[in-house]
Amino acid sequence: MCDPTRDDGSSQSGLVRKENRAYFQREWNSFDVMRTLTVTIVHLLCLLAPFNYKWEALRFGLVLFAVVQLGITFSYHRNLSHRSFKLPKWLEYPFAYSAVFALQGDPMDWVSIHSFHHQFTDTDRDPHSPTEGLWFSHVLWIFDTRYIKSKCGRRNNVMDLKQQWFYRFLRKTIGFHVLMFWTVLYLYGGLPYLRRGRRSGDRVPCDMARKLGRPSLGFKVVED
């Protein structure tokens, strides 16, 4: 798949548009199936919105949206992936945990994929390169874990996270945390809260954290 003559594993042929990868006519593993079912259920629940609506649930959803997006941008992206600043563990871990409920994966998986993306941008080893098409680079790669593994290999670029018990624990139990979170939302407020809670994972611009990256709250900004 990759040109072996390059040290970084990238292709020497430049940005050549690839043929679209067969999507449905391929082997699906259990991870792909579970991710597809989760995303499908999330969007089907949106159809119930006109029939189960509460203003308090909307307010709750907006707050939850802000919290989990701060977790993705502030923790997964700027802190764990790019190491733009350092946090004490008593702050780092809660921020990373809040990002779990954005339904974008555990910290080790997210950081590894993002790091590979920067390392091999728009080459054969880029996990979601636009050279493989708009739909694949934005959506379909999420449900093709075996293909991503063949491009990037094992998660050997996040050894610092693998050495920490907290991130190993989240990687093994992320499904449990998400399921319990959805269960608590439903028991507390029924379908209106469940719909608002599970839609909080839409992305926002990642550079938000730059504006928040000031020497306060016990973290240290690291200059590039």
N, C-alpha and C. Protein backbone atom coordinates (compact mmCIF):
# COMPACT_ATOMS: atom_id res chain seq x y z
N MET A 1 0.82 -1.20 0.00
CA MET A 1 0.00 0.00 0.00
C MET A 1 0.86 1.26 0.00
N CYS A 2 1.99 1.23 0.75
CA CYS A 2 2.87 2.38 0.81
C CYS A 2 4.17 2.06 0.09
N ASP A 3 4.83 3.07 -0.45
CA ASP A 3 6.11 2.89 -1.12
C ASP A 3 7.18 2.67 -0.07
N PRO A 4 7.83 1.49 -0.02
CA PRO A 4 8.77 1.18 1.05
C PRO A 4 10.09 1.91 0.93
N THR A 5 10.35 2.62 -0.15
CA THR A 5 11.63 3.28 -0.33
C THR A 5 11.71 4.61 0.39
N ARG A 6 10.60 5.09 0.92
CA ARG A 6 10.61 6.34 1.66
C ARG A 6 10.73 6.07 3.14
N ASP A 7 11.59 6.83 3.83
CA ASP A 7 11.81 6.60 5.26
C ASP A 7 10.56 6.83 6.08
N ASP A 8 9.75 7.79 5.66
CA ASP A 8 8.56 8.09 6.44
C ASP A 8 7.36 7.24 6.06
N GLY A 9 7.57 6.33 5.11
CA GLY A 9 6.50 5.44 4.72
C GLY A 9 5.52 6.04 3.75
N SER A 10 5.79 7.25 3.25
CA SER A 10 4.85 7.89 2.34
C SER A 10 5.17 7.56 0.90
N SER A 11 4.25 7.89 0.02
CA SER A 11 4.41 7.57 -1.38
C SER A 11 5.28 8.60 -2.07
N GLN A 12 6.03 8.19 -3.08
CA GLN A 12 6.85 9.09 -3.87
C GLN A 12 6.08 9.65 -5.06
N SER A 13 4.89 9.22 -5.24
CA SER A 13 4.15 9.58 -6.44
C SER A 13 3.37 10.88 -6.30
N GLY A 14 3.44 11.52 -5.10
CA GLY A 14 2.72 12.77 -4.91
C GLY A 14 1.26 12.54 -4.58
N LEU A 15 0.46 13.57 -4.71
CA LEU A 15 -0.96 13.50 -4.36
C LEU A 15 -1.74 12.96 -5.54
N VAL A 16 -1.77 11.68 -5.67
CA VAL A 16 -2.48 11.03 -6.76
C VAL A 16 -3.85 10.58 -6.27
N ARG A 17 -4.86 10.95 -6.97
CA ARG A 17 -6.23 10.59 -6.60
C ARG A 17 -6.41 9.09 -6.73
N LYS A 18 -6.81 8.42 -5.63
CA LYS A 18 -7.01 6.99 -5.63
C LYS A 18 -8.42 6.64 -6.07
N GLU A 19 -8.57 5.40 -6.49
CA GLU A 19 -9.91 4.92 -6.76
C GLU A 19 -10.65 4.76 -5.43
N ASN A 20 -11.95 4.99 -5.49
CA ASN A 20 -12.75 4.87 -4.28
C ASN A 20 -12.68 3.45 -3.73
N ARG A 21 -12.46 3.35 -2.43
CA ARG A 21 -12.37 2.04 -1.80
C ARG A 21 -13.76 1.43 -1.71
N ALA A 22 -13.83 0.13 -1.94
CA ALA A 22 -15.10 -0.58 -1.79
C ALA A 22 -15.53 -0.48 -0.33
N TYR A 23 -16.74 0.00 -0.11
CA TYR A 23 -17.15 0.25 1.26
C TYR A 23 -18.02 -0.87 1.82
N PHE A 24 -19.15 -1.12 1.19
CA PHE A 24 -20.04 -2.16 1.70
C PHE A 24 -19.54 -3.56 1.34
N GLN A 25 -18.93 -3.69 0.18
CA GLN A 25 -18.45 -4.99 -0.27
C GLN A 25 -17.05 -5.26 0.27
N ARG A 26 -16.94 -5.30 1.58
CA ARG A 26 -15.67 -5.58 2.24
C ARG A 26 -15.96 -6.34 3.53
N GLU A 27 -14.91 -6.78 4.19
CA GLU A 27 -15.08 -7.50 5.45
C GLU A 27 -15.22 -6.50 6.60
N TRP A 28 -16.30 -6.63 7.35
CA TRP A 28 -16.57 -5.75 8.48
C TRP A 28 -16.24 -6.49 9.77
N ASN A 29 -15.46 -5.85 10.65
CA ASN A 29 -15.20 -6.47 11.94
C ASN A 29 -16.19 -5.94 12.98
N SER A 30 -16.09 -6.44 14.19
CA SER A 30 -17.06 -6.08 15.23
C SER A 30 -16.99 -4.60 15.59
N PHE A 31 -15.78 -4.02 15.54
CA PHE A 31 -15.65 -2.59 15.87
C PHE A 31 -16.39 -1.73 14.85
N ASP A 32 -16.25 -2.09 13.57
CA ASP A 32 -16.95 -1.33 12.53
C ASP A 32 -18.46 -1.42 12.70
N VAL A 33 -18.94 -2.61 13.02
CA VAL A 33 -20.38 -2.81 13.18
C VAL A 33 -20.90 -2.01 14.37
N MET A 34 -20.19 -2.05 15.50
CA MET A 34 -20.63 -1.34 16.69
C MET A 34 -20.63 0.17 16.46
N ARG A 35 -19.61 0.68 15.79
CA ARG A 35 -19.57 2.11 15.52
C ARG A 35 -20.71 2.52 14.59
N THR A 36 -20.97 1.70 13.60
CA THR A 36 -22.05 2.01 12.66
C THR A 36 -23.40 2.01 13.36
N LEU A 37 -23.63 1.02 14.21
CA LEU A 37 -24.89 0.95 14.94
C LEU A 37 -25.06 2.16 15.87
N THR A 38 -23.96 2.55 16.53
CA THR A 38 -24.03 3.69 17.44
C THR A 38 -24.41 4.96 16.71
N VAL A 39 -23.74 5.23 15.60
CA VAL A 39 -24.02 6.44 14.83
C VAL A 39 -25.44 6.40 14.25
N THR A 40 -25.87 5.22 13.80
CA THR A 40 -27.22 5.09 13.25
C THR A 40 -28.28 5.37 14.31
N ILE A 41 -28.10 4.81 15.51
CA ILE A 41 -29.06 5.02 16.60
C ILE A 41 -29.10 6.50 16.98
N VAL A 42 -27.93 7.12 17.04
CA VAL A 42 -27.87 8.55 17.40
C VAL A 42 -28.70 9.38 16.44
N HIS A 43 -28.58 9.11 15.16
CA HIS A 43 -29.30 9.92 14.18
C HIS A 43 -30.79 9.55 14.08
N LEU A 44 -31.12 8.30 14.35
CA LEU A 44 -32.52 7.93 14.38
C LEU A 44 -33.25 8.61 15.54
N LEU A 45 -32.54 8.80 16.64
CA LEU A 45 -33.15 9.47 17.79
C LEU A 45 -33.52 10.92 17.45
N CYS A 46 -32.82 11.50 16.49
CA CYS A 46 -33.15 12.87 16.09
C CYS A 46 -34.57 12.97 15.53
N LEU A 47 -35.04 11.87 14.96
CA LEU A 47 -36.39 11.89 14.38
C LEU A 47 -37.47 12.05 15.45
N LEU A 48 -37.12 11.76 16.70
CA LEU A 48 -38.08 11.87 17.79
C LEU A 48 -38.14 13.28 18.38
N ALA A 49 -37.24 14.15 17.94
CA ALA A 49 -37.15 15.49 18.53
C ALA A 49 -38.47 16.27 18.49
N PRO A 50 -39.20 16.28 17.37
CA PRO A 50 -40.44 17.07 17.36
C PRO A 50 -41.50 16.59 18.34
N PHE A 51 -41.38 15.34 18.79
CA PHE A 51 -42.41 14.77 19.65
C PHE A 51 -42.00 14.71 21.13
N ASN A 52 -40.73 14.99 21.40
CA ASN A 52 -40.23 14.95 22.77
C ASN A 52 -39.30 16.14 22.98
N TYR A 53 -39.87 17.29 23.28
CA TYR A 53 -39.07 18.51 23.35
C TYR A 53 -39.31 19.22 24.68
N LYS A 54 -38.22 19.63 25.32
CA LYS A 54 -38.29 20.42 26.55
C LYS A 54 -37.21 21.48 26.49
N TRP A 55 -37.56 22.70 26.90
CA TRP A 55 -36.57 23.78 26.91
C TRP A 55 -35.43 23.49 27.88
N GLU A 56 -35.75 22.87 29.01
CA GLU A 56 -34.69 22.57 29.97
C GLU A 56 -33.72 21.53 29.41
N ALA A 57 -34.23 20.62 28.58
CA ALA A 57 -33.35 19.65 27.93
C ALA A 57 -32.45 20.33 26.92
N LEU A 58 -32.98 21.34 26.22
CA LEU A 58 -32.17 22.10 25.27
C LEU A 58 -31.04 22.83 26.00
N ARG A 59 -31.37 23.47 27.12
CA ARG A 59 -30.34 24.17 27.89
C ARG A 59 -29.28 23.19 28.39
N PHE A 60 -29.75 22.04 28.85
CA PHE A 60 -28.81 21.01 29.29
C PHE A 60 -27.90 20.57 28.13
N GLY A 61 -28.48 20.39 26.95
CA GLY A 61 -27.70 19.98 25.80
C GLY A 61 -26.64 21.00 25.41
N LEU A 62 -26.98 22.28 25.51
CA LEU A 62 -26.01 23.33 25.17
C LEU A 62 -24.83 23.33 26.15
N VAL A 63 -25.13 23.15 27.43
CA VAL A 63 -24.06 23.08 28.42
C VAL A 63 -23.18 21.86 28.18
N LEU A 64 -23.82 20.72 27.93
CA LEU A 64 -23.07 19.50 27.69
C LEU A 64 -22.24 19.61 26.42
N PHE A 65 -22.79 20.25 25.39
CA PHE A 65 -22.05 20.48 24.15
C PHE A 65 -20.77 21.25 24.43
N ALA A 66 -20.87 22.31 25.22
CA ALA A 66 -19.69 23.13 25.54
C ALA A 66 -18.65 22.32 26.31
N VAL A 67 -19.11 21.48 27.24
CA VAL A 67 -18.19 20.71 28.07
C VAL A 67 -17.43 19.69 27.24
N VAL A 68 -18.14 18.90 26.44
CA VAL A 68 -17.46 17.83 25.70
C VAL A 68 -16.61 18.40 24.57
N GLN A 69 -17.03 19.51 23.96
CA GLN A 69 -16.20 20.10 22.92
C GLN A 69 -14.95 20.73 23.50
N LEU A 70 -15.05 21.28 24.69
CA LEU A 70 -13.86 21.74 25.37
C LEU A 70 -12.92 20.57 25.64
N GLY A 71 -13.50 19.42 26.00
CA GLY A 71 -12.69 18.24 26.23
C GLY A 71 -11.95 17.80 24.98
N ILE A 72 -12.64 17.78 23.83
CA ILE A 72 -12.00 17.38 22.58
C ILE A 72 -10.92 18.37 22.17
N THR A 73 -11.26 19.66 22.14
CA THR A 73 -10.34 20.67 21.64
C THR A 73 -9.20 20.93 22.62
N PHE A 74 -9.56 21.12 23.87
CA PHE A 74 -8.60 21.48 24.90
C PHE A 74 -7.73 20.29 25.30
N SER A 75 -8.35 19.11 25.46
CA SER A 75 -7.61 17.95 25.96
C SER A 75 -7.06 17.08 24.82
N TYR A 76 -7.93 16.42 24.07
CA TYR A 76 -7.47 15.50 23.04
C TYR A 76 -6.54 16.20 22.04
N HIS A 77 -6.96 17.38 21.57
CA HIS A 77 -6.23 18.02 20.48
C HIS A 77 -5.00 18.80 20.96
N ARG A 78 -5.22 19.84 21.76
CA ARG A 78 -4.11 20.72 22.11
C ARG A 78 -3.20 20.13 23.18
N ASN A 79 -3.76 19.48 24.19
CA ASN A 79 -2.96 18.98 25.29
C ASN A 79 -2.30 17.64 24.98
N LEU A 80 -3.08 16.65 24.57
CA LEU A 80 -2.53 15.30 24.39
C LEU A 80 -1.88 15.08 23.03
N SER A 81 -2.43 15.67 21.97
CA SER A 81 -1.86 15.46 20.63
C SER A 81 -0.68 16.37 20.36
N HIS A 82 -0.87 17.68 20.54
CA HIS A 82 0.17 18.65 20.15
C HIS A 82 1.03 19.10 21.32
N ARG A 83 0.66 18.74 22.53
CA ARG A 83 1.45 19.11 23.71
C ARG A 83 1.70 20.61 23.75
N SER A 84 0.65 21.37 23.47
CA SER A 84 0.77 22.83 23.47
C SER A 84 0.96 23.39 24.88
N PHE A 85 0.53 22.64 25.86
CA PHE A 85 0.67 23.06 27.25
C PHE A 85 0.67 21.83 28.13
N LYS A 86 1.07 22.01 29.37
CA LYS A 86 1.09 20.92 30.34
C LYS A 86 0.07 21.18 31.43
N LEU A 87 -0.58 20.11 31.84
CA LEU A 87 -1.57 20.18 32.92
C LEU A 87 -1.16 19.23 34.04
N PRO A 88 -1.46 19.59 35.27
CA PRO A 88 -1.31 18.60 36.33
C PRO A 88 -2.34 17.49 36.11
N LYS A 89 -2.03 16.30 36.56
CA LYS A 89 -2.88 15.16 36.29
C LYS A 89 -4.29 15.33 36.83
N TRP A 90 -4.44 16.08 37.93
CA TRP A 90 -5.78 16.25 38.50
C TRP A 90 -6.66 17.11 37.60
N LEU A 91 -6.06 17.83 36.65
CA LEU A 91 -6.82 18.56 35.64
C LEU A 91 -6.84 17.83 34.30
N GLU A 92 -5.72 17.22 33.95
CA GLU A 92 -5.62 16.54 32.66
C GLU A 92 -6.63 15.41 32.53
N TYR A 93 -6.75 14.59 33.56
CA TYR A 93 -7.62 13.43 33.47
C TYR A 93 -9.11 13.80 33.38
N PRO A 94 -9.62 14.72 34.18
CA PRO A 94 -11.04 15.09 34.02
C PRO A 94 -11.37 15.68 32.66
N PHE A 95 -10.49 16.51 32.11
CA PHE A 95 -10.73 17.06 30.78
C PHE A 95 -10.77 15.94 29.74
N ALA A 96 -9.83 15.00 29.83
CA ALA A 96 -9.81 13.88 28.88
C ALA A 96 -11.06 13.02 29.04
N TYR A 97 -11.50 12.83 30.28
CA TYR A 97 -12.69 12.01 30.51
C TYR A 97 -13.93 12.65 29.92
N SER A 98 -14.05 13.96 30.04
CA SER A 98 -15.23 14.64 29.48
C SER A 98 -15.30 14.48 27.97
N ALA A 99 -14.16 14.37 27.31
CA ALA A 99 -14.14 14.22 25.85
C ALA A 99 -14.64 12.86 25.40
N VAL A 100 -14.61 11.88 26.27
CA VAL A 100 -15.11 10.54 25.92
C VAL A 100 -16.55 10.60 25.46
N PHE A 101 -17.35 11.51 26.03
CA PHE A 101 -18.78 11.56 25.74
C PHE A 101 -19.10 12.34 24.47
N ALA A 102 -18.06 12.77 23.76
CA ALA A 102 -18.27 13.32 22.42
C ALA A 102 -18.38 12.21 21.38
N LEU A 103 -18.19 10.96 21.82
CA LEU A 103 -18.31 9.78 20.94
C LEU A 103 -17.31 9.83 19.78
N GLN A 104 -16.10 10.30 20.08
CA GLN A 104 -15.05 10.32 19.08
C GLN A 104 -13.90 9.38 19.43
N GLY A 105 -14.13 8.48 20.37
CA GLY A 105 -13.14 7.48 20.70
C GLY A 105 -12.41 7.78 21.99
N ASP A 106 -11.60 6.82 22.43
CA ASP A 106 -10.82 7.00 23.65
C ASP A 106 -9.59 7.86 23.34
N PRO A 107 -8.94 8.42 24.37
CA PRO A 107 -7.81 9.32 24.13
C PRO A 107 -6.68 8.70 23.31
N MET A 108 -6.30 7.47 23.58
CA MET A 108 -5.19 6.87 22.84
C MET A 108 -5.52 6.73 21.37
N ASP A 109 -6.73 6.32 21.06
CA ASP A 109 -7.12 6.14 19.66
C ASP A 109 -7.16 7.49 18.94
N TRP A 110 -7.78 8.49 19.54
CA TRP A 110 -7.93 9.81 18.92
C TRP A 110 -6.57 10.44 18.68
N VAL A 111 -5.73 10.43 19.70
CA VAL A 111 -4.41 11.08 19.61
C VAL A 111 -3.53 10.37 18.60
N SER A 112 -3.59 9.04 18.58
CA SER A 112 -2.77 8.29 17.63
C SER A 112 -3.17 8.60 16.19
N ILE A 113 -4.45 8.54 15.88
CA ILE A 113 -4.93 8.83 14.53
C ILE A 113 -4.56 10.25 14.12
N HIS A 114 -4.76 11.20 15.03
CA HIS A 114 -4.46 12.60 14.69
C HIS A 114 -2.97 12.81 14.47
N SER A 115 -2.15 12.13 15.25
CA SER A 115 -0.69 12.26 15.09
C SER A 115 -0.24 11.65 13.77
N PHE A 116 -0.80 10.50 13.41
CA PHE A 116 -0.48 9.91 12.10
C PHE A 116 -0.92 10.83 10.97
N HIS A 117 -2.06 11.47 11.15
CA HIS A 117 -2.56 12.39 10.12
C HIS A 117 -1.58 13.53 9.88
N HIS A 118 -1.03 14.09 10.94
CA HIS A 118 -0.06 15.17 10.79
C HIS A 118 1.27 14.66 10.25
N GLN A 119 1.68 13.48 10.68
CA GLN A 119 2.96 12.94 10.26
C GLN A 119 2.97 12.57 8.78
N PHE A 120 1.84 12.05 8.28
CA PHE A 120 1.78 11.55 6.90
C PHE A 120 0.70 12.27 6.09
N THR A 121 0.58 13.56 6.28
CA THR A 121 -0.49 14.32 5.65
C THR A 121 -0.53 14.12 4.13
N ASP A 122 -1.71 13.72 3.62
CA ASP A 122 -1.97 13.57 2.19
C ASP A 122 -1.03 12.59 1.50
N THR A 123 -0.54 11.59 2.24
CA THR A 123 0.24 10.51 1.65
C THR A 123 -0.55 9.21 1.81
N ASP A 124 0.05 8.11 1.36
CA ASP A 124 -0.63 6.82 1.44
C ASP A 124 -0.92 6.39 2.88
N ARG A 125 -0.15 6.93 3.83
CA ARG A 125 -0.34 6.53 5.22
C ARG A 125 -1.19 7.50 6.03
N ASP A 126 -1.69 8.53 5.40
CA ASP A 126 -2.62 9.44 6.06
C ASP A 126 -3.92 8.69 6.31
N PRO A 127 -4.35 8.57 7.58
CA PRO A 127 -5.55 7.77 7.87
C PRO A 127 -6.82 8.30 7.24
N HIS A 128 -6.91 9.59 6.99
CA HIS A 128 -8.12 10.13 6.34
C HIS A 128 -7.71 11.22 5.34
N SER A 129 -7.02 10.77 4.32
CA SER A 129 -6.53 11.71 3.30
C SER A 129 -7.63 12.08 2.31
N PRO A 130 -7.71 13.35 1.89
CA PRO A 130 -8.69 13.76 0.89
C PRO A 130 -8.44 13.14 -0.47
N THR A 131 -7.25 12.56 -0.68
CA THR A 131 -6.97 11.90 -1.96
C THR A 131 -7.82 10.65 -2.15
N GLU A 132 -8.44 10.18 -1.07
CA GLU A 132 -9.31 9.01 -1.16
C GLU A 132 -10.78 9.38 -1.23
N GLY A 133 -11.04 10.64 -1.46
CA GLY A 133 -12.42 11.06 -1.66
C GLY A 133 -12.99 11.83 -0.48
N LEU A 134 -13.97 12.66 -0.76
CA LEU A 134 -14.58 13.51 0.26
C LEU A 134 -15.24 12.69 1.36
N TRP A 135 -16.05 11.71 0.97
CA TRP A 135 -16.80 10.94 1.97
C TRP A 135 -15.88 10.12 2.86
N PHE A 136 -14.86 9.51 2.24
CA PHE A 136 -13.95 8.69 3.05
C PHE A 136 -13.16 9.56 4.02
N SER A 137 -12.65 10.68 3.56
CA SER A 137 -11.79 11.51 4.41
C SER A 137 -12.54 12.17 5.55
N HIS A 138 -13.86 12.35 5.40
CA HIS A 138 -14.63 13.02 6.43
C HIS A 138 -15.44 12.07 7.30
N VAL A 139 -15.90 10.94 6.75
CA VAL A 139 -16.83 10.09 7.49
C VAL A 139 -16.44 8.62 7.46
N LEU A 140 -16.28 8.06 6.26
CA LEU A 140 -16.23 6.60 6.12
C LEU A 140 -15.01 5.96 6.76
N TRP A 141 -13.92 6.69 6.91
CA TRP A 141 -12.73 6.11 7.52
C TRP A 141 -12.99 5.67 8.96
N ILE A 142 -13.94 6.32 9.61
CA ILE A 142 -14.24 6.00 11.00
C ILE A 142 -14.72 4.56 11.14
N PHE A 143 -15.37 4.03 10.11
CA PHE A 143 -15.98 2.70 10.18
C PHE A 143 -15.15 1.64 9.45
N ASP A 144 -13.89 1.94 9.19
CA ASP A 144 -13.02 1.00 8.47
C ASP A 144 -11.72 0.81 9.24
N THR A 145 -11.82 0.27 10.45
CA THR A 145 -10.68 0.20 11.35
C THR A 145 -9.55 -0.67 10.82
N ARG A 146 -9.90 -1.75 10.14
CA ARG A 146 -8.85 -2.64 9.62
C ARG A 146 -8.02 -1.95 8.55
N TYR A 147 -8.67 -1.17 7.71
CA TYR A 147 -7.96 -0.42 6.67
C TYR A 147 -7.05 0.64 7.30
N ILE A 148 -7.54 1.32 8.33
CA ILE A 148 -6.73 2.32 9.00
C ILE A 148 -5.52 1.67 9.66
N LYS A 149 -5.71 0.50 10.23
CA LYS A 149 -4.58 -0.21 10.86
C LYS A 149 -3.55 -0.62 9.82
N SER A 150 -4.01 -1.02 8.63
CA SER A 150 -3.07 -1.39 7.57
C SER A 150 -2.28 -0.19 7.07
N LYS A 151 -2.85 1.01 7.18
CA LYS A 151 -2.16 2.22 6.75
C LYS A 151 -1.18 2.72 7.81
N CYS A 152 -1.60 2.67 9.06
CA CYS A 152 -0.83 3.30 10.13
C CYS A 152 -0.09 2.33 11.03
N GLY A 153 -0.54 1.08 11.06
CA GLY A 153 0.06 0.13 11.97
C GLY A 153 -0.56 0.23 13.36
N ARG A 154 0.15 -0.27 14.34
CA ARG A 154 -0.34 -0.25 15.71
C ARG A 154 -0.18 1.14 16.31
N ARG A 155 -0.82 1.35 17.45
CA ARG A 155 -0.77 2.66 18.12
C ARG A 155 0.55 2.83 18.87
N ASN A 156 1.66 2.81 18.10
CA ASN A 156 2.97 2.91 18.72
C ASN A 156 3.47 4.34 18.83
N ASN A 157 2.62 5.30 18.50
CA ASN A 157 3.03 6.70 18.59
C ASN A 157 2.41 7.41 19.80
N VAL A 158 1.83 6.64 20.70
CA VAL A 158 1.25 7.22 21.92
C VAL A 158 1.74 6.45 23.15
N MET A 159 3.03 6.13 23.15
CA MET A 159 3.57 5.36 24.25
C MET A 159 3.48 6.09 25.58
N ASP A 160 3.52 7.42 25.53
CA ASP A 160 3.39 8.19 26.77
C ASP A 160 2.01 7.98 27.40
N LEU A 161 0.97 7.86 26.56
CA LEU A 161 -0.36 7.60 27.09
C LEU A 161 -0.51 6.15 27.53
N LYS A 162 0.09 5.24 26.80
CA LYS A 162 0.00 3.82 27.16
C LYS A 162 0.63 3.53 28.51
N GLN A 163 1.57 4.35 28.92
CA GLN A 163 2.24 4.12 30.21
C GLN A 163 1.43 4.62 31.40
N GLN A 164 0.30 5.27 31.12
CA GLN A 164 -0.53 5.82 32.20
C GLN A 164 -1.77 4.95 32.38
N TRP A 165 -2.00 4.54 33.62
CA TRP A 165 -3.10 3.62 33.91
C TRP A 165 -4.45 4.21 33.49
N PHE A 166 -4.62 5.51 33.63
CA PHE A 166 -5.92 6.12 33.36
C PHE A 166 -6.33 5.93 31.90
N TYR A 167 -5.40 6.14 30.98
CA TYR A 167 -5.73 6.02 29.56
C TYR A 167 -5.88 4.57 29.13
N ARG A 168 -5.13 3.67 29.76
CA ARG A 168 -5.33 2.24 29.50
C ARG A 168 -6.71 1.81 29.98
N PHE A 169 -7.11 2.33 31.13
CA PHE A 169 -8.43 2.00 31.69
C PHE A 169 -9.54 2.51 30.77
N LEU A 170 -9.44 3.74 30.29
CA LEU A 170 -10.47 4.29 29.41
C LEU A 170 -10.55 3.50 28.10
N ARG A 171 -9.42 3.09 27.57
CA ARG A 171 -9.42 2.36 26.31
C ARG A 171 -10.17 1.04 26.45
N LYS A 172 -10.03 0.39 27.59
CA LYS A 172 -10.67 -0.91 27.79
C LYS A 172 -12.14 -0.80 28.17
N THR A 173 -12.54 0.35 28.72
CA THR A 173 -13.89 0.45 29.29
C THR A 173 -14.72 1.57 28.68
N ILE A 174 -14.31 2.13 27.56
CA ILE A 174 -15.01 3.30 27.02
C ILE A 174 -16.47 3.00 26.71
N GLY A 175 -16.76 1.81 26.20
CA GLY A 175 -18.15 1.46 25.90
C GLY A 175 -19.02 1.47 27.14
N PHE A 176 -18.48 1.01 28.25
CA PHE A 176 -19.23 1.01 29.51
C PHE A 176 -19.56 2.43 29.94
N HIS A 177 -18.60 3.34 29.85
CA HIS A 177 -18.82 4.73 30.29
C HIS A 177 -19.89 5.41 29.44
N VAL A 178 -19.83 5.21 28.14
CA VAL A 178 -20.81 5.83 27.26
C VAL A 178 -22.20 5.26 27.52
N LEU A 179 -22.30 3.94 27.69
CA LEU A 179 -23.59 3.30 27.95
C LEU A 179 -24.19 3.77 29.27
N MET A 180 -23.36 3.86 30.29
CA MET A 180 -23.85 4.32 31.59
C MET A 180 -24.28 5.78 31.53
N PHE A 181 -23.56 6.58 30.76
CA PHE A 181 -23.92 7.99 30.61
C PHE A 181 -25.28 8.12 29.95
N TRP A 182 -25.50 7.39 28.87
CA TRP A 182 -26.81 7.41 28.19
C TRP A 182 -27.92 6.92 29.12
N THR A 183 -27.62 5.88 29.90
CA THR A 183 -28.61 5.32 30.82
C THR A 183 -29.02 6.35 31.88
N VAL A 184 -28.02 7.03 32.45
CA VAL A 184 -28.31 8.05 33.46
C VAL A 184 -29.14 9.18 32.87
N LEU A 185 -28.80 9.62 31.65
CA LEU A 185 -29.57 10.68 31.00
C LEU A 185 -31.03 10.27 30.81
N TYR A 186 -31.23 9.04 30.37
CA TYR A 186 -32.60 8.57 30.13
C TYR A 186 -33.38 8.46 31.44
N LEU A 187 -32.75 7.93 32.47
CA LEU A 187 -33.44 7.78 33.75
C LEU A 187 -33.75 9.13 34.38
N TYR A 188 -32.91 10.11 34.12
CA TYR A 188 -33.12 11.43 34.71
C TYR A 188 -34.19 12.23 33.97
N GLY A 189 -34.11 12.27 32.65
CA GLY A 189 -35.01 13.15 31.91
C GLY A 189 -35.75 12.52 30.75
N GLY A 190 -35.60 11.22 30.55
CA GLY A 190 -36.30 10.56 29.45
C GLY A 190 -35.67 10.88 28.09
N LEU A 191 -36.43 10.70 27.03
CA LEU A 191 -35.93 10.87 25.68
C LEU A 191 -35.42 12.29 25.37
N PRO A 192 -36.06 13.35 25.88
CA PRO A 192 -35.54 14.70 25.58
C PRO A 192 -34.09 14.87 26.01
N TYR A 193 -33.75 14.39 27.20
CA TYR A 193 -32.37 14.51 27.68
C TYR A 193 -31.44 13.56 26.93
N LEU A 194 -31.93 12.39 26.61
CA LEU A 194 -31.10 11.43 25.89
C LEU A 194 -30.73 11.96 24.52
N ARG A 195 -31.69 12.59 23.84
CA ARG A 195 -31.42 13.15 22.52
C ARG A 195 -30.41 14.27 22.60
N ARG A 196 -30.57 15.17 23.59
CA ARG A 196 -29.64 16.30 23.71
C ARG A 196 -28.26 15.82 24.11
N GLY A 197 -28.20 14.83 25.00
CA GLY A 197 -26.92 14.36 25.50
C GLY A 197 -26.10 13.65 24.45
N ARG A 198 -26.75 12.84 23.63
CA ARG A 198 -25.98 12.07 22.68
C ARG A 198 -25.62 12.87 21.43
N ARG A 199 -26.14 14.11 21.27
CA ARG A 199 -25.79 14.93 20.12
C ARG A 199 -24.68 15.92 20.43
N SER A 200 -24.05 15.78 21.58
CA SER A 200 -23.07 16.77 22.01
C SER A 200 -21.69 16.56 21.39
N GLY A 201 -21.55 15.56 20.50
CA GLY A 201 -20.24 15.25 19.98
C GLY A 201 -19.90 15.87 18.65
N ASP A 202 -20.73 16.80 18.11
CA ASP A 202 -20.39 17.43 16.85
C ASP A 202 -19.16 18.30 17.04
N ARG A 203 -18.36 18.39 15.99
CA ARG A 203 -17.09 19.09 16.11
C ARG A 203 -17.25 20.60 16.07
N VAL A 204 -16.30 21.26 16.71
CA VAL A 204 -16.17 22.70 16.62
C VAL A 204 -14.73 22.99 16.25
N PRO A 205 -14.40 24.21 15.80
CA PRO A 205 -13.02 24.50 15.40
C PRO A 205 -12.03 24.19 16.51
N CYS A 206 -10.94 23.49 16.13
CA CYS A 206 -9.98 23.02 17.12
C CYS A 206 -9.16 24.16 17.71
N ASP A 207 -9.05 25.29 17.04
CA ASP A 207 -8.20 26.36 17.53
C ASP A 207 -8.82 27.11 18.69
N MET A 208 -10.02 26.70 19.13
CA MET A 208 -10.61 27.32 20.31
C MET A 208 -9.66 27.26 21.50
N ALA A 209 -8.95 26.16 21.61
CA ALA A 209 -8.10 25.97 22.78
C ALA A 209 -6.94 26.94 22.80
N ARG A 210 -6.53 27.44 21.67
CA ARG A 210 -5.45 28.41 21.66
C ARG A 210 -5.83 29.65 22.48
N LYS A 211 -7.11 30.03 22.37
CA LYS A 211 -7.58 31.20 23.11
C LYS A 211 -7.66 30.91 24.59
N LEU A 212 -7.78 29.62 24.93
CA LEU A 212 -7.87 29.24 26.33
C LEU A 212 -6.52 28.89 26.92
N GLY A 213 -5.50 28.76 26.06
CA GLY A 213 -4.20 28.30 26.50
C GLY A 213 -3.37 29.37 27.15
N ARG A 214 -3.84 29.93 28.26
CA ARG A 214 -3.13 30.95 29.00
C ARG A 214 -2.70 30.39 30.34
N PRO A 215 -1.61 30.91 30.90
CA PRO A 215 -1.06 30.34 32.15
C PRO A 215 -1.95 30.59 33.35
N SER A 216 -3.04 29.82 33.42
CA SER A 216 -3.96 29.89 34.55
C SER A 216 -4.46 28.50 34.85
N LEU A 217 -5.22 28.36 35.92
CA LEU A 217 -5.81 27.08 36.31
C LEU A 217 -4.77 26.00 36.51
N GLY A 218 -3.53 26.37 36.72
CA GLY A 218 -2.51 25.37 37.05
C GLY A 218 -1.86 24.71 35.88
N PHE A 219 -2.00 25.24 34.64
CA PHE A 219 -1.30 24.61 33.53
C PHE A 219 -0.26 25.55 32.98
N LYS A 220 0.73 24.98 32.30
CA LYS A 220 1.86 25.73 31.77
C LYS A 220 1.84 25.68 30.26
N VAL A 221 1.93 26.85 29.63
CA VAL A 221 1.95 26.91 28.18
C VAL A 221 3.36 26.60 27.69
N VAL A 222 3.45 25.74 26.69
CA VAL A 222 4.74 25.37 26.11
C VAL A 222 4.87 26.01 24.76
N GLU A 223 5.88 26.81 24.55
CA GLU A 223 6.09 27.47 23.27
C GLU A 223 6.65 26.49 22.26
N ASP A 224 6.17 26.59 20.99
CA ASP A 224 6.69 25.72 19.94
C ASP A 224 8.12 26.11 19.57
